[in-house]
Protein backbone atom coordinates (compact mmCIF):
# COMPACT_ATOMS: atom_id res chain seq x y z
CA MET A 1 -26.51 -7.26 -15.25
CA GLN A 2 -26.75 -9.61 -12.58
CA LYS A 3 -27.55 -8.19 -9.05
CA ILE A 4 -24.62 -8.14 -5.91
CA ALA A 5 -26.03 -10.36 -2.78
CA GLU A 6 -26.71 -8.21 0.44
CA SER A 7 -23.94 -10.22 2.24
CA GLU A 8 -21.59 -10.32 -0.42
CA LEU A 9 -21.57 -5.74 -0.58
CA ILE A 10 -22.42 -4.67 2.84
CA ILE A 11 -24.43 -1.20 3.01
CA ASN A 12 -25.31 -0.11 6.21
CA ASP A 13 -28.93 2.18 6.71
CA ARG A 14 -27.08 5.49 5.96
CA GLY A 15 -26.33 3.80 2.37
CA ALA A 16 -22.73 3.60 3.10
CA ILE A 17 -20.26 0.76 2.40
CA TYR A 18 -20.04 -1.54 5.49
CA HIS A 19 -15.97 -0.93 7.07
CA LEU A 20 -15.00 2.20 5.63
CA ASN A 21 -18.60 3.73 6.34
CA LEU A 22 -18.49 6.03 3.12
CA ARG A 23 -21.03 6.38 0.88
CA PRO A 24 -19.66 7.06 -3.05
CA GLU A 25 -19.57 11.31 -3.16
CA GLU A 26 -17.29 11.12 0.39
CA LEU A 27 -14.66 9.80 -1.71
CA ALA A 28 -12.46 12.26 -3.63
CA ASP A 29 -10.47 10.62 -6.78
CA THR A 30 -6.84 11.05 -5.84
CA VAL A 31 -7.24 8.80 -2.03
CA ILE A 32 -4.03 9.00 0.35
CA VAL A 33 -4.20 5.19 2.22
CA ALA A 34 -2.07 5.39 5.59
CA GLY A 35 -2.14 2.60 8.14
CA ASP A 36 -2.51 4.20 11.64
CA PRO A 37 -4.93 6.40 12.20
CA ASP A 38 -3.71 8.82 13.76
CA ARG A 39 -1.24 9.68 10.58
CA VAL A 40 -5.00 10.64 9.24
CA PRO A 41 -5.46 14.02 10.15
CA LYS A 42 -1.61 14.63 10.03
CA ILE A 43 -2.22 14.69 6.35
CA SER A 44 -5.64 16.17 6.18
CA LYS A 45 -4.34 20.04 8.11
CA HIS A 46 -2.41 20.62 5.32
CA PHE A 47 -6.11 20.38 3.28
CA ASP A 48 -6.96 24.07 2.64
CA SER A 49 -10.57 22.65 2.97
CA ILE A 50 -12.21 19.50 4.87
CA GLU A 51 -16.12 17.58 3.37
CA PHE A 52 -16.41 15.30 5.24
CA GLN A 53 -14.79 13.29 8.91
CA LEU A 54 -15.65 9.71 9.26
CA LYS A 55 -14.50 6.38 11.14
CA HIS A 56 -15.78 3.31 11.41
CA ARG A 57 -13.05 0.87 13.05
CA GLU A 58 -9.32 1.44 12.24
CA PHE A 59 -11.05 3.55 9.18
CA ILE A 60 -11.29 7.34 9.39
CA THR A 61 -11.34 8.88 6.42
CA HIS A 62 -11.28 12.89 6.07
CA THR A 63 -12.15 14.12 2.29
CA GLY A 64 -11.23 17.81 1.48
CA TYR A 65 -9.31 20.05 -0.98
CA ILE A 66 -5.65 21.56 -1.66
CA GLY A 67 -6.31 24.35 -3.88
CA LYS A 68 -8.82 22.68 -6.66
CA LYS A 69 -7.28 19.22 -5.73
CA ARG A 70 -9.91 17.10 -3.90
CA ILE A 71 -8.17 14.17 -1.91
CA SER A 72 -9.61 10.95 0.92
CA VAL A 73 -6.83 10.43 2.88
CA LEU A 74 -7.94 6.73 4.78
CA SER A 75 -6.38 4.96 6.83
CA THR A 76 -6.30 1.47 6.99
CA GLY A 77 -5.16 -0.44 10.22
CA ILE A 78 -1.81 -3.22 9.46
CA GLY A 79 -1.36 -5.87 7.29
CA PRO A 80 -2.31 -7.32 3.70
CA ASP A 81 -5.81 -8.18 5.36
CA ASN A 82 -7.00 -4.66 5.86
CA ILE A 83 -6.47 -3.86 2.82
CA ASP A 84 -8.07 -6.47 0.51
CA ILE A 85 -11.31 -4.48 3.09
CA ALA A 86 -9.76 -1.19 1.96
CA MET A 87 -9.06 -1.58 -1.67
CA ASN A 88 -12.75 -4.04 -2.55
CA GLU A 89 -14.69 -1.02 -0.83
CA LEU A 90 -12.66 1.49 -2.50
CA ASP A 91 -13.35 0.11 -6.24
CA ALA A 92 -16.67 -0.48 -5.15
CA LEU A 93 -17.70 3.08 -3.99
CA ALA A 94 -15.91 4.29 -7.87
CA ASN A 95 -17.46 1.34 -9.62
CA ILE A 96 -20.49 -0.27 -8.01
CA ASP A 97 -24.08 1.19 -8.34
CA PHE A 98 -25.04 1.04 -4.82
CA SER A 99 -29.01 1.24 -5.94
CA SER A 100 -28.43 -0.89 -8.32
CA ARG A 101 -26.30 -3.33 -6.58
CA THR A 102 -24.94 -3.66 -10.11
CA ILE A 103 -21.44 -3.09 -12.00
CA LYS A 104 -21.22 0.32 -13.27
CA ALA A 105 -21.36 0.59 -17.05
CA ASP A 106 -18.54 3.21 -16.83
CA PHE A 107 -15.18 2.38 -15.30
CA HIS A 108 -13.82 5.12 -12.52
CA PRO A 109 -10.43 4.65 -12.23
CA LEU A 110 -8.34 6.34 -8.29
CA HIS A 111 -4.99 6.96 -8.30
CA ILE A 112 -4.36 5.39 -4.67
CA ILE A 113 -1.19 6.36 -2.73
CA ARG A 114 0.08 4.64 0.72
CA PHE A 115 1.81 7.61 2.28
CA GLY A 116 3.42 4.63 5.47
CA THR A 117 6.97 3.29 7.17
CA SER A 118 8.98 0.46 6.66
CA GLY A 119 12.12 -0.35 6.96
CA SER A 120 15.41 -0.30 4.62
CA LEU A 121 16.98 -3.35 3.32
CA GLN A 122 20.29 -1.59 1.68
CA ALA A 123 23.25 0.13 3.91
CA ASP A 124 22.99 3.61 1.08
CA ILE A 125 19.17 3.74 2.27
CA PRO A 126 19.34 5.09 5.48
CA VAL A 127 17.02 5.86 8.71
CA ASP A 128 14.79 9.54 7.63
CA SER A 129 15.02 8.97 4.16
CA PHE A 130 12.38 7.73 1.90
CA VAL A 131 12.00 4.97 -0.57
CA ALA A 132 9.01 5.13 -3.88
CA ALA A 133 8.22 1.38 -4.60
CA THR A 134 8.38 0.32 -7.62
CA HIS A 135 6.98 -3.38 -7.16
CA GLY A 136 5.28 -5.32 -4.91
CA LEU A 137 6.52 -8.43 -3.89
CA GLY A 138 4.36 -10.86 -1.48
CA LEU A 139 4.89 -12.59 0.69
CA ASP A 140 1.14 -12.50 2.44
CA ASN A 141 -0.48 -15.01 -0.37
CA LEU A 142 -3.46 -12.73 -0.56
CA LEU A 143 -3.53 -11.99 -4.27
CA ASN A 144 -3.19 -16.36 -4.84
CA PHE A 145 -6.52 -16.00 -3.54
CA TYR A 146 -7.87 -13.45 -6.72
CA ALA A 147 -7.90 -15.13 -10.10
CA HIS A 148 -5.40 -13.28 -12.61
CA THR A 149 -3.06 -13.71 -15.57
CA LYS A 150 0.73 -13.02 -14.64
CA ASP A 151 2.48 -10.29 -16.15
CA GLU A 152 5.53 -11.77 -17.56
CA SER A 153 8.34 -8.75 -16.15
CA ASP A 154 6.60 -9.04 -12.88
CA GLU A 155 6.34 -13.16 -12.60
CA ALA A 156 10.09 -13.18 -14.05
CA ILE A 157 11.15 -11.01 -10.65
CA ALA A 158 8.69 -13.75 -8.32
CA GLN A 159 11.28 -16.43 -9.94
CA ALA A 160 14.52 -14.67 -9.12
CA PHE A 161 13.40 -13.96 -6.11
CA ILE A 162 12.12 -17.74 -5.01
CA GLU A 163 15.66 -19.20 -6.50
CA GLN A 164 18.03 -17.24 -4.92
CA SER A 165 16.40 -16.77 -1.58
CA GLY A 166 15.09 -20.83 -2.21
CA ILE A 167 11.64 -19.38 1.07
CA ASP A 168 9.78 -22.59 0.55
CA THR A 169 7.05 -22.33 -1.48
CA ARG A 170 4.87 -24.68 0.91
CA ILE A 171 4.80 -21.74 3.28
CA THR A 172 3.98 -19.04 0.59
CA HIS A 173 4.69 -18.72 -2.74
CA PRO A 174 5.43 -14.35 -3.88
CA TYR A 175 3.76 -12.93 -6.34
CA VAL A 176 5.13 -8.95 -7.63
CA PHE A 177 3.12 -6.48 -9.39
CA SER A 178 4.43 -3.24 -10.65
CA GLY A 179 3.59 -0.11 -9.00
CA SER A 180 1.61 3.44 -11.72
CA LYS A 181 4.52 4.48 -14.17
CA SER A 182 3.14 8.02 -13.85
CA LEU A 183 2.31 8.25 -10.12
CA LEU A 184 6.38 6.90 -9.39
CA ASN A 185 7.41 9.68 -12.16
CA LYS A 186 5.86 12.71 -9.89
CA PHE A 187 8.45 11.89 -7.39
CA ASN A 188 12.00 13.20 -7.66
CA ASN A 189 15.50 11.71 -6.72
CA GLU A 190 14.69 12.74 -3.47
CA PHE A 191 13.15 9.52 -3.18
CA HIS A 192 14.86 6.09 -3.15
CA LYS A 193 13.15 3.59 -5.59
CA GLY A 194 13.29 -0.12 -4.96
CA ILE A 195 11.20 -3.14 -4.35
CA THR A 196 9.12 -3.15 -1.73
CA VAL A 197 8.72 -7.20 0.52
CA THR A 198 5.00 -7.24 2.02
CA CYS A 199 5.46 -9.71 4.96
CA PRO A 200 2.83 -11.32 6.74
CA GLY A 201 3.77 -10.47 10.01
CA PHE A 202 6.33 -7.80 11.62
CA TYR A 203 8.22 -10.77 14.15
CA GLY A 204 9.14 -14.16 12.18
CA PRO A 205 8.57 -12.83 8.67
CA GLN A 206 10.51 -10.05 8.97
CA GLY A 207 13.57 -11.82 10.18
CA ARG A 208 12.87 -10.76 14.34
CA VAL A 209 13.57 -13.26 17.27
CA LEU A 210 12.77 -12.56 20.05
CA ARG A 211 11.46 -16.26 22.28
CA LEU A 212 10.45 -18.07 18.87
CA PRO A 213 13.20 -19.35 16.10
CA LEU A 214 13.17 -18.73 12.44
CA GLN A 215 11.97 -20.80 9.75
CA HIS A 216 14.37 -19.35 7.11
CA PRO A 217 17.50 -18.20 9.72
CA GLY A 218 19.12 -15.42 7.47
CA LEU A 219 16.27 -14.35 4.93
CA ILE A 220 16.89 -11.41 5.97
CA ASN A 221 20.66 -11.74 3.99
CA LYS A 222 19.26 -13.01 1.22
CA PHE A 223 16.77 -10.16 0.51
CA THR A 224 19.31 -7.79 1.21
CA HIS A 225 21.60 -9.27 -1.70
CA PHE A 226 18.81 -10.26 -4.51
CA ASN A 227 19.24 -8.66 -7.56
CA PHE A 228 18.04 -9.38 -10.99
CA ASN A 229 18.30 -7.41 -13.72
CA GLN A 230 18.80 -4.07 -12.49
CA HIS A 231 15.83 -4.94 -10.03
CA ARG A 232 17.07 -5.25 -6.05
CA ILE A 233 15.06 -4.81 -2.79
CA ALA A 234 15.06 -1.03 -1.45
CA ASN A 235 12.62 -2.24 1.72
CA PHE A 236 9.77 -4.02 3.33
CA GLU A 237 6.56 -3.37 5.34
CA MET A 238 3.09 -5.29 5.28
CA GLU A 239 1.08 -3.34 2.48
CA THR A 240 2.48 -2.68 -0.61
CA SER A 241 1.89 -5.64 -2.69
CA ALA A 242 -1.45 -6.14 -1.34
CA ILE A 243 -2.43 -2.31 -2.98
CA TYR A 244 -0.25 -3.23 -6.01
CA GLY A 245 -2.08 -6.30 -6.32
CA LEU A 246 -5.34 -5.52 -6.35
CA GLY A 247 -5.34 -2.03 -7.42
CA LYS A 248 -3.80 -3.57 -10.56
CA LEU A 249 -6.93 -5.91 -11.18
CA LEU A 250 -8.88 -3.70 -10.75
CA GLY A 251 -7.74 -1.00 -13.09
CA HIS A 252 -6.33 1.21 -10.79
CA GLU A 253 -3.34 4.03 -10.42
CA CYS A 254 -1.20 2.66 -7.05
CA LEU A 255 1.81 4.25 -5.17
CA SER A 256 3.58 3.39 -2.07
CA ILE A 257 5.62 5.85 -0.49
CA ASN A 258 7.28 4.92 2.47
CA ALA A 259 9.31 6.70 5.15
CA ILE A 260 12.74 4.58 6.05
CA VAL A 261 12.74 4.43 10.22
CA ALA A 262 14.83 1.68 10.52
CA ASN A 263 17.42 -0.10 8.81
CA ARG A 264 17.81 -3.75 8.92
CA VAL A 265 21.19 -4.03 7.55
CA LEU A 266 22.97 -1.71 9.70
CA GLN A 267 20.77 -2.13 13.04
CA ARG A 268 19.52 1.64 13.15
CA TYR A 269 16.63 3.25 14.64
CA SER A 270 15.19 6.78 13.28
CA LYS A 271 15.96 8.48 16.43
CA ASP A 272 13.25 10.81 15.56
CA GLY A 273 10.72 8.80 13.27
CA GLU A 274 7.95 11.72 13.59
CA ALA A 275 9.39 14.20 12.22
CA THR A 276 10.56 11.97 9.81
CA ILE A 277 6.60 11.18 8.55
CA ASP A 278 5.91 14.78 9.20
CA GLN A 279 8.52 15.40 5.98
CA LEU A 280 7.13 12.70 4.10
CA ILE A 281 3.78 13.69 4.10
CA LYS A 282 5.00 17.29 2.69
CA LYS A 283 7.45 16.44 -0.09
CA SER A 284 4.46 13.57 -1.09
CA LEU A 285 1.60 16.05 -0.71
CA GLU A 286 3.81 18.45 -3.16
CA ALA A 287 4.54 16.03 -5.21
CA LEU A 288 0.92 15.12 -6.03
CA THR A 289 -0.53 18.05 -6.34
CA ALA A 290 2.48 19.88 -8.38
CA SER A 291 0.77 20.96 -11.52
């Protein structure tokens, strides 16, 4: 089997993959990812024990146990570019032999769950509530760099979105990937369900106007009114579609759970977003560790 070149798979002096600074034995099969590095200890404080604590740049990882379940929590930083790094390196840790620099014969799946924050795009999904994403709809273009065969049902949602939104496909060609149904089923009716849109920025790409005018004024309203085969857009943020897309192509089970800290329809913002995030962490860990 062909070896992967040193320039393509960068391994540091301690035998860890470059950006995440992790060795294969330091990663659990269940991985919680969060954009904010400060959220890692807020999650791992619920662990019964911690084996490893590692850091490189914005990538902080704690690996430990809740009961008998081994879990890693990793900060990714913000945006689909960081997710590209995190997802590819997580997969490499599970499925590439670092000593021979070759792909392992037996595939090893991971369960990757995002604990994030986002803005609601529906009046009936209020601030301080939670959303579990059925699909990630990407406006970020990341998955357009990877060769893949498009799932017909996912592509139908993407095409309906292009038609209903009138988005300029010279700027971005939207794509859709579904999340893990088995992971989604762990989350009850306390979690709203719907499509999560992933944007490549926080201001213009999410319809915010400070000093620069928008190429697509009114696009947020079109997000809110999108409907296709009982699918609607629940919220938007900056990571989910990249996680779902790369996860699906690499063969991993992925789910994105988000605390709603803003409602863009009602123009409201949470009075205590940290308390909402803490509740998201507790409820999500309970769901993931339930027998």
